[in-house]
N, C-alpha and C. Protein backbone atom coordinates (compact mmCIF):
# COMPACT_ATOMS: atom_id res chain seq x y z
N MET A 1 47.63 152.11 186.97
CA MET A 1 46.37 152.59 187.13
C MET A 1 46.47 153.58 186.11
N ASN A 2 45.26 153.73 185.54
CA ASN A 2 44.88 154.49 184.53
C ASN A 2 44.80 156.34 184.66
N THR A 3 45.94 157.32 184.49
CA THR A 3 46.12 158.73 184.83
C THR A 3 45.66 159.38 183.84
N ASP A 4 44.42 158.83 183.07
CA ASP A 4 43.77 159.59 182.21
C ASP A 4 42.08 159.53 182.08
N LEU A 5 42.17 160.11 183.50
CA LEU A 5 40.78 160.20 184.12
C LEU A 5 40.09 161.82 183.88
N GLN A 6 40.45 162.40 183.22
CA GLN A 6 39.44 163.82 183.22
C GLN A 6 38.49 163.87 182.62
N GLY A 7 38.09 163.04 181.76
CA GLY A 7 36.45 162.89 181.20
C GLY A 7 35.41 161.79 182.20
N THR A 8 36.66 160.89 182.97
CA THR A 8 35.96 160.31 183.52
C THR A 8 35.29 161.17 185.06
N PHE A 9 36.14 161.99 185.60
CA PHE A 9 35.58 162.69 186.38
C PHE A 9 34.68 163.79 186.42
N ARG A 10 34.87 164.02 185.23
CA ARG A 10 34.01 165.22 184.67
C ARG A 10 32.81 164.75 184.63
N ALA A 11 32.59 163.34 183.79
CA ALA A 11 30.97 162.95 183.40
C ALA A 11 30.43 162.36 185.00
N LEU A 12 31.20 162.13 186.10
CA LEU A 12 30.82 161.77 187.47
C LEU A 12 30.47 162.95 188.38
N ALA A 13 31.25 164.00 187.63
CA ALA A 13 31.24 165.32 188.68
C ALA A 13 29.58 165.57 188.81
N ASP A 14 28.57 165.02 187.93
CA ASP A 14 27.31 165.67 187.86
C ASP A 14 26.19 164.79 188.64
N PRO A 15 25.12 164.76 189.52
CA PRO A 15 24.86 164.33 190.13
C PRO A 15 24.01 163.56 188.39
N THR A 16 23.08 164.19 187.75
CA THR A 16 22.27 163.78 187.05
C THR A 16 23.07 162.34 186.22
N ARG A 17 24.18 162.33 186.13
CA ARG A 17 24.80 161.51 185.36
C ARG A 17 25.24 160.14 185.71
N ARG A 18 25.49 160.60 187.21
CA ARG A 18 25.61 159.64 188.35
C ARG A 18 24.47 158.79 188.61
N MET A 19 23.11 159.57 188.58
CA MET A 19 21.90 158.71 188.44
C MET A 19 21.52 158.25 187.20
N ILE A 20 21.86 158.45 185.94
CA ILE A 20 22.14 158.18 184.48
C ILE A 20 22.70 156.32 184.67
N LEU A 21 24.17 156.59 185.36
CA LEU A 21 24.64 155.42 184.95
C LEU A 21 24.11 154.19 186.29
N THR A 22 23.51 154.70 187.58
CA THR A 22 22.79 154.26 188.71
C THR A 22 21.78 153.17 187.54
N HIS A 23 20.84 153.65 186.73
CA HIS A 23 19.96 152.91 185.77
C HIS A 23 20.42 152.23 184.89
N LEU A 24 21.43 152.88 184.68
CA LEU A 24 22.18 152.09 183.02
C LEU A 24 23.05 150.44 184.07
N SER A 25 23.23 150.43 185.37
CA SER A 25 23.60 149.36 186.08
C SER A 25 22.92 148.17 185.70
N GLY A 26 21.60 148.54 186.15
CA GLY A 26 20.39 148.02 185.94
C GLY A 26 20.19 146.91 184.59
N GLY A 27 20.85 147.47 183.28
CA GLY A 27 20.52 146.97 182.15
C GLY A 27 20.75 147.96 181.21
N ASP A 28 21.23 147.57 179.71
CA ASP A 28 20.86 148.48 178.79
C ASP A 28 19.76 149.37 178.22
N MET A 29 19.93 150.49 177.99
CA MET A 29 18.66 151.28 177.79
C MET A 29 18.78 152.00 176.73
N THR A 30 17.45 152.42 175.72
CA THR A 30 17.88 153.56 174.85
C THR A 30 17.67 154.85 175.48
N ILE A 31 17.87 156.00 174.74
CA ILE A 31 17.91 156.98 175.13
C ILE A 31 16.42 157.36 175.52
N GLY A 32 15.18 156.55 174.95
CA GLY A 32 14.02 157.44 175.50
C GLY A 32 13.98 156.47 176.79
N GLU A 33 14.30 155.82 177.47
CA GLU A 33 13.97 154.83 178.50
C GLU A 33 15.08 155.73 179.54
N VAL A 34 15.91 155.83 178.98
CA VAL A 34 16.68 157.04 180.23
C VAL A 34 16.23 158.23 180.44
N ALA A 35 15.19 158.96 179.27
CA ALA A 35 14.79 160.10 179.38
C ALA A 35 13.39 159.73 180.34
N ASP A 36 12.99 158.75 180.47
CA ASP A 36 11.85 158.57 180.66
C ASP A 36 12.08 158.47 182.50
N GLN A 37 13.22 158.48 182.71
CA GLN A 37 13.61 158.12 184.41
C GLN A 37 13.84 159.41 184.74
N PHE A 38 13.58 160.67 183.79
CA PHE A 38 14.03 162.29 184.27
C PHE A 38 12.96 163.64 183.98
N GLU A 39 12.63 164.56 184.41
CA GLU A 39 12.26 165.23 183.86
C GLU A 39 12.63 166.23 183.49
N MET A 40 12.79 166.02 182.01
CA MET A 40 13.84 167.22 181.31
C MET A 40 14.06 166.57 179.76
N THR A 41 14.46 167.37 178.92
CA THR A 41 13.74 166.82 177.61
C THR A 41 14.99 165.70 177.23
N ARG A 42 14.82 165.39 176.14
CA ARG A 42 15.33 164.07 175.68
C ARG A 42 16.72 164.50 175.14
N ALA A 43 16.82 165.72 174.47
CA ALA A 43 17.71 166.70 174.20
C ALA A 43 18.83 166.70 175.30
N ALA A 44 18.45 166.85 176.68
CA ALA A 44 19.42 167.00 177.62
C ALA A 44 19.51 165.76 178.10
N VAL A 45 19.02 164.89 178.17
CA VAL A 45 19.80 163.21 178.18
C VAL A 45 20.58 163.23 177.59
N LYS A 46 19.99 163.46 176.22
CA LYS A 46 21.38 163.10 175.22
C LYS A 46 22.53 163.85 175.42
N LYS A 47 22.80 164.84 175.75
CA LYS A 47 24.08 165.45 176.05
C LYS A 47 24.64 165.06 177.25
N HIS A 48 23.85 164.43 178.40
CA HIS A 48 24.45 164.27 179.44
C HIS A 48 25.25 162.68 179.20
N LEU A 49 24.69 161.93 178.33
CA LEU A 49 24.73 160.68 177.21
C LEU A 49 26.38 160.60 176.78
N THR A 50 26.38 161.87 176.04
CA THR A 50 27.65 162.20 175.25
C THR A 50 28.53 162.69 176.48
N ILE A 51 28.03 163.29 177.25
CA ILE A 51 29.37 163.22 178.16
C ILE A 51 30.12 162.01 179.03
N LEU A 52 28.88 160.95 179.30
CA LEU A 52 29.62 159.80 179.72
C LEU A 52 29.78 158.68 178.75
N GLU A 53 29.58 159.00 177.22
CA GLU A 53 30.58 158.52 176.89
C GLU A 53 31.50 158.95 176.41
N GLU A 54 32.05 160.25 176.76
CA GLU A 54 33.47 161.04 176.42
C GLU A 54 34.02 160.16 177.51
N GLY A 55 33.62 160.17 178.59
CA GLY A 55 34.20 159.61 179.45
C GLY A 55 34.68 158.20 179.94
N ASP A 56 33.96 157.60 178.64
CA ASP A 56 34.35 156.27 178.62
C ASP A 56 33.29 155.41 179.83
N LEU A 57 32.51 156.04 180.28
CA LEU A 57 31.62 155.68 181.35
C LEU A 57 30.61 154.48 180.32
N ILE A 58 30.23 154.81 179.57
CA ILE A 58 29.13 154.18 178.43
C ILE A 58 29.80 153.93 177.42
N SER A 59 28.98 153.22 176.50
CA SER A 59 29.53 152.74 175.39
C SER A 59 27.88 152.65 174.40
N VAL A 60 27.81 153.03 173.39
CA VAL A 60 26.41 153.02 172.84
C VAL A 60 26.59 152.58 171.64
N HIS A 61 25.56 151.40 171.14
CA HIS A 61 25.60 150.43 169.92
C HIS A 61 24.52 151.00 169.39
N THR A 62 24.46 150.96 168.07
CA THR A 62 23.36 150.96 167.42
C THR A 62 22.63 149.55 166.64
N ILE A 63 21.52 149.67 166.96
CA ILE A 63 21.16 148.32 166.31
C ILE A 63 19.56 148.88 165.80
N GLY A 64 20.04 148.87 164.25
CA GLY A 64 18.91 149.76 163.30
C GLY A 64 18.98 151.12 163.51
N ARG A 65 17.98 151.63 163.78
CA ARG A 65 18.00 152.95 164.08
C ARG A 65 17.62 153.21 165.37
N THR A 66 17.85 152.27 166.18
CA THR A 66 18.39 152.77 168.30
C THR A 66 19.49 152.67 168.63
N ARG A 67 19.73 153.47 169.13
CA ARG A 67 20.85 153.94 169.72
C ARG A 67 21.43 153.20 171.46
N ILE A 68 21.50 152.11 171.61
CA ILE A 68 21.62 151.45 173.11
C ILE A 68 22.81 151.93 174.07
N ASN A 69 22.43 152.16 175.17
CA ASN A 69 23.37 152.98 176.06
C ASN A 69 24.21 151.70 177.16
N ARG A 70 25.32 151.79 176.90
CA ARG A 70 25.50 150.42 178.17
C ARG A 70 26.78 150.67 178.97
N LEU A 71 26.52 150.46 180.02
CA LEU A 71 27.51 150.89 181.37
C LEU A 71 28.66 149.98 181.18
N GLU A 72 29.61 150.74 181.30
CA GLU A 72 31.01 150.25 181.14
C GLU A 72 31.96 150.60 182.34
N PRO A 73 31.88 149.55 183.27
CA PRO A 73 31.85 149.53 184.60
C PRO A 73 33.87 149.67 184.80
N GLU A 74 34.28 149.55 183.47
CA GLU A 74 35.60 149.68 183.51
C GLU A 74 36.33 150.69 184.04
N ALA A 75 35.59 152.25 183.34
CA ALA A 75 36.33 153.53 183.86
C ALA A 75 35.53 153.87 185.19
N LEU A 76 35.21 152.67 185.81
CA LEU A 76 34.74 153.37 187.12
C LEU A 76 35.96 152.59 187.86
N LYS A 77 36.11 151.62 187.41
CA LYS A 77 37.41 150.70 188.48
C LYS A 77 38.49 151.60 188.21
N SER A 78 39.06 152.51 187.37
CA SER A 78 39.72 152.90 187.19
C SER A 78 39.84 154.01 188.16
N ALA A 79 38.68 154.65 188.15
CA ALA A 79 38.19 155.98 188.90
C ALA A 79 38.33 155.85 190.63
N ALA A 80 37.65 154.25 190.59
CA ALA A 80 37.97 154.24 192.21
C ALA A 80 39.24 153.52 192.36
N GLN A 81 40.32 153.02 191.68
CA GLN A 81 41.84 152.96 191.60
C GLN A 81 42.47 154.13 192.36
N TRP A 82 42.29 155.16 191.76
CA TRP A 82 42.48 156.53 192.07
C TRP A 82 42.22 156.73 193.21
N PHE A 83 40.88 156.81 193.76
CA PHE A 83 40.46 157.43 194.93
C PHE A 83 41.28 156.32 195.84
N ASP A 84 41.25 154.98 195.71
CA ASP A 84 41.99 153.68 196.97
C ASP A 84 43.34 154.26 197.35
N PHE A 85 44.17 154.96 195.94
CA PHE A 85 44.97 155.53 196.42
C PHE A 85 45.45 156.32 197.50
N PHE A 86 44.41 157.53 197.30
CA PHE A 86 44.58 158.45 198.09
C PHE A 86 44.13 158.01 199.40
N SER A 87 43.67 157.41 199.32
CA SER A 87 42.79 157.07 200.89
C SER A 87 43.66 155.83 201.81
N THR A 88 44.34 155.19 200.76
CA THR A 88 45.50 154.43 201.22
C THR A 88 46.77 155.20 202.12
N PHE A 89 46.74 156.56 201.12
CA PHE A 89 47.77 157.87 201.71
C PHE A 89 47.42 158.43 202.76
N TRP A 90 46.12 158.68 202.89
CA TRP A 90 45.85 159.30 204.35
C TRP A 90 45.36 158.31 205.28
N ASP A 91 45.28 157.40 205.14
CA ASP A 91 45.31 155.95 206.15
C ASP A 91 46.43 156.16 206.91
N GLU A 92 47.66 155.96 206.18
CA GLU A 92 49.22 156.23 206.59
C GLU A 92 49.29 157.27 207.13
N HIS A 93 49.19 158.64 206.31
CA HIS A 93 49.19 159.58 207.46
C HIS A 93 48.77 159.89 208.47
N LEU A 94 47.27 159.78 208.57
CA LEU A 94 46.61 159.92 209.98
C LEU A 94 46.71 158.71 210.80
N SER A 95 47.67 157.72 210.21
CA SER A 95 48.14 156.41 211.28
C SER A 95 48.79 157.28 212.02
N ARG A 96 50.07 157.94 211.02
CA ARG A 96 51.22 158.14 211.88
C ARG A 96 51.13 159.39 212.82
N LEU A 97 50.16 160.53 212.42
CA LEU A 97 49.60 161.42 213.54
C LEU A 97 49.26 160.84 214.54
N GLN A 98 48.22 159.71 214.41
CA GLN A 98 47.81 159.26 215.45
C GLN A 98 49.31 158.76 216.75
N GLN A 99 50.32 157.91 215.84
CA GLN A 99 51.29 157.42 217.17
C GLN A 99 51.57 158.46 217.60
N ALA A 100 51.55 159.68 216.64
CA ALA A 100 52.40 160.95 217.13
C ALA A 100 51.83 161.57 218.68
N ILE A 101 50.61 161.77 218.22
CA ILE A 101 49.66 162.51 219.46
C ILE A 101 50.09 161.22 220.78
N ASP A 102 50.17 159.60 220.33
CA ASP A 102 50.00 158.88 221.13
C ASP A 102 51.52 158.58 222.13
N LYS A 103 52.17 159.14 221.43
CA LYS A 103 53.60 159.18 221.88
C LYS A 103 53.63 160.42 222.86
N GLN A 104 52.94 161.69 222.53
CA GLN A 104 53.10 163.04 223.05
C GLN A 104 52.51 162.53 224.24
N LYS A 105 51.42 161.87 224.26
CA LYS A 105 50.13 161.63 225.85
C LYS A 105 51.07 161.07 226.41
N ASN A 106 52.24 159.76 226.18
CA ASN A 106 52.96 159.76 227.15
C ASN A 106 54.53 159.89 227.75
C-alpha cells in the first residue's frame, strides 16, 4: 500500500477537484474543456489541475501547444486501499463490540 498519500488526499479534499476528476473519467480534456464545466476562470481551473497533477491523480500531456489532462486512476486505487484498511479495522472492532454486547445480554 502506498503510504505517501499526502498530495493525493490534499487534491481530493476539494469538491471542485473531485468534480474535475469525475469529468476526466469520461475522457481526456484540455484546460479549456475543463473550464467550460465550471463558473470560474481558466486560471482558477489551472490551479486545481496543478494540485491534481501534484497528487498524481492526473497527468498532463502536451500535443503542440495544447495541454491534455488525463485521469490517472492508480492514485485513486492507492487512496481506496488506505480507506479499505481502516474499513476492515472498524468492521473487526465493531464486530467484537457487538459480540461483547450480545454476551452481556445473555
